C-alpha atoms as a PDB file:
ATOM      1  CA  MET A   1      87.451-178.737-241.982  1.00  0.00           C
ATOM      2  CA  THR A   2      85.007-176.282-240.447  1.00  0.00           C
ATOM      3  CA  THR A   3      85.246-175.045-236.879  1.00  0.00           C
ATOM      4  CA  PHE A   4      82.212-174.738-234.618  1.00  0.00           C
ATOM      5  CA  THR A   5      81.800-173.473-231.059  1.00  0.00           C
ATOM      6  CA  ALA A   6      80.998-176.114-228.448  1.00  0.00           C
ATOM      7  CA  VAL A   7      79.330-174.910-225.250  1.00  0.00           C
ATOM      8  CA  PHE A   8      79.460-177.092-222.124  1.00  0.00           C
ATOM      9  CA  GLU A   9      77.444-176.537-218.966  1.00  0.00           C
ATOM     10  CA  ARG A  10      77.633-178.550-215.775  1.00  0.00           C
ATOM     11  CA  ILE A  11      74.190-179.370-214.378  1.00  0.00           C
ATOM     12  CA  GLY A  12      74.300-181.617-211.350  1.00  0.00           C
ATOM     13  CA  GLU A  13      76.327-184.686-212.236  1.00  0.00           C
ATOM     14  CA  TRP A  14      75.968-184.190-215.999  1.00  0.00           C
ATOM     15  CA  TRP A  15      77.679-182.066-218.643  1.00  0.00           C
ATOM     16  CA  ILE A  16      75.203-180.619-221.131  1.00  0.00           C
ATOM     17  CA  ALA A  17      76.742-179.782-224.519  1.00  0.00           C
ATOM     18  CA  ARG A  18      75.556-177.891-227.586  1.00  0.00           C
ATOM     19  CA  VAL A  19      76.925-176.402-230.786  1.00  0.00           C
ATOM     20  CA  GLU A  20      76.432-172.660-230.653  1.00  0.00           C
ATOM     21  CA  GLU A  21      76.021-172.138-234.407  1.00  0.00           C
ATOM     22  CA  ILE A  22      73.593-174.971-235.184  1.00  0.00           C
ATOM     23  CA  PRO A  23      70.313-175.214-233.273  1.00  0.00           C
ATOM     24  CA  GLY A  24      69.322-178.740-232.343  1.00  0.00           C
ATOM     25  CA  VAL A  25      72.840-180.131-231.987  1.00  0.00           C
ATOM     26  CA  ASN A  26      73.011-180.991-228.315  1.00  0.00           C
ATOM     27  CA  THR A  27      73.803-183.892-226.032  1.00  0.00           C
ATOM     28  CA  GLN A  28      75.080-184.749-222.577  1.00  0.00           C
ATOM     29  CA  GLY A  29      77.690-186.846-220.814  1.00  0.00           C
ATOM     30  CA  ARG A  30      78.703-187.847-217.319  1.00  0.00           C
ATOM     31  CA  THR A  31      82.194-186.469-217.970  1.00  0.00           C
ATOM     32  CA  LEU A  32      83.382-183.529-220.028  1.00  0.00           C
ATOM     33  CA  ASP A  33      85.255-185.894-222.361  1.00  0.00           C
ATOM     34  CA  GLU A  34      82.143-188.012-222.860  1.00  0.00           C
ATOM     35  CA  ALA A  35      80.062-184.905-223.598  1.00  0.00           C
ATOM     36  CA  ARG A  36      82.700-183.743-226.120  1.00  0.00           C
ATOM     37  CA  GLU A  37      82.684-187.050-227.981  1.00  0.00           C
ATOM     38  CA  ASN A  38      78.887-187.246-227.912  1.00  0.00           C
ATOM     39  CA  LEU A  39      78.674-183.706-229.298  1.00  0.00           C
ATOM     40  CA  LYS A  40      81.003-184.506-232.201  1.00  0.00           C
ATOM     41  CA  GLU A  41      78.871-187.528-233.032  1.00  0.00           C
ATOM     42  CA  ALA A  42      75.628-185.533-232.752  1.00  0.00           C
ATOM     43  CA  LEU A  43      76.983-182.829-235.082  1.00  0.00           C
ATOM     44  CA  GLN A  44      78.081-185.392-237.668  1.00  0.00           C
ATOM     45  CA  GLN A  45      74.695-187.114-237.541  1.00  0.00           C
ATOM     46  CA  VAL A  46      72.740-183.869-237.918  1.00  0.00           C
ATOM     47  CA  ILE A  47      74.830-182.759-240.908  1.00  0.00           C
ATOM     48  CA  GLU A  48      74.563-186.172-242.601  1.00  0.00           C
ATOM     49  CA  THR A  49      70.806-186.343-241.976  1.00  0.00           C
ATOM     50  CA  ASN A  50      70.221-182.802-243.257  1.00  0.00           C
ATOM     51  CA  ARG A  51      72.185-183.574-246.424  1.00  0.00           C
ATOM     52  CA  GLU A  52      70.188-186.728-247.052  1.00  0.00           C
ATOM     53  CA  LEU A  53      66.858-184.979-246.438  1.00  0.00           C
ATOM     54  CA  ALA A  54      67.824-182.117-248.760  1.00  0.00           C
ATOM     55  CA  ARG A  55      68.806-184.565-251.514  1.00  0.00           C
ATOM     56  CA  ARG A  56      65.526-186.434-251.192  1.00  0.00           C
ATOM     57  CA  GLU A  57      63.517-183.202-251.321  1.00  0.00           C
ATOM     58  CA  SER A  58      65.322-182.044-254.452  1.00  0.00           C
ATOM     59  CA  GLY A  59      65.248-185.425-256.193  1.00  0.00           C
ATOM     60  CA  GLY A  60      64.323-185.004-259.840  1.00  0.00           C
ATOM     61  CA  LYS A  61      64.509-181.211-259.664  1.00  0.00           C
ATOM     62  CA  ASP A  62      66.934-179.005-261.560  1.00  0.00           C
ATOM     63  CA  VAL A  63      69.322-177.982-258.764  1.00  0.00           C
ATOM     64  CA  ILE A  64      72.958-176.968-258.458  1.00  0.00           C
ATOM     65  CA  ARG A  65      75.046-178.104-255.507  1.00  0.00           C
ATOM     66  CA  GLU A  66      78.382-176.466-254.782  1.00  0.00           C
ATOM     67  CA  LYS A  67      80.748-176.005-251.870  1.00  0.00           C
ATOM     68  CA  LEU A  68      80.288-172.831-249.861  1.00  0.00           C
ATOM     69  CA  SER A  69      83.043-171.455-247.656  1.00  0.00           C
ATOM     70  CA  ILE A  70      82.806-168.411-245.443  1.00  0.00           C
ATOM     71  CA  ALA A  71      85.153-166.608-243.086  1.00  0.00           C
ATOM     72  CA  VAL A  72      83.638-165.611-239.776  1.00  0.00           C
END
């Protein structure tokens, strides 16, 4: 399991949420809990979509895929 930083900002009646480390992963919710759940879902969808797009782009090519872990 990897840990990311979630950033929440209250704007009017909405909570705006984003993942600090991954541009484009953002969402909103009427409550903080709703924004949290929406952000988890958005992050999962972005990662799954990026994986699928990368696999399609490399289809038929000689590539190596391996796990990469880093400590930050």
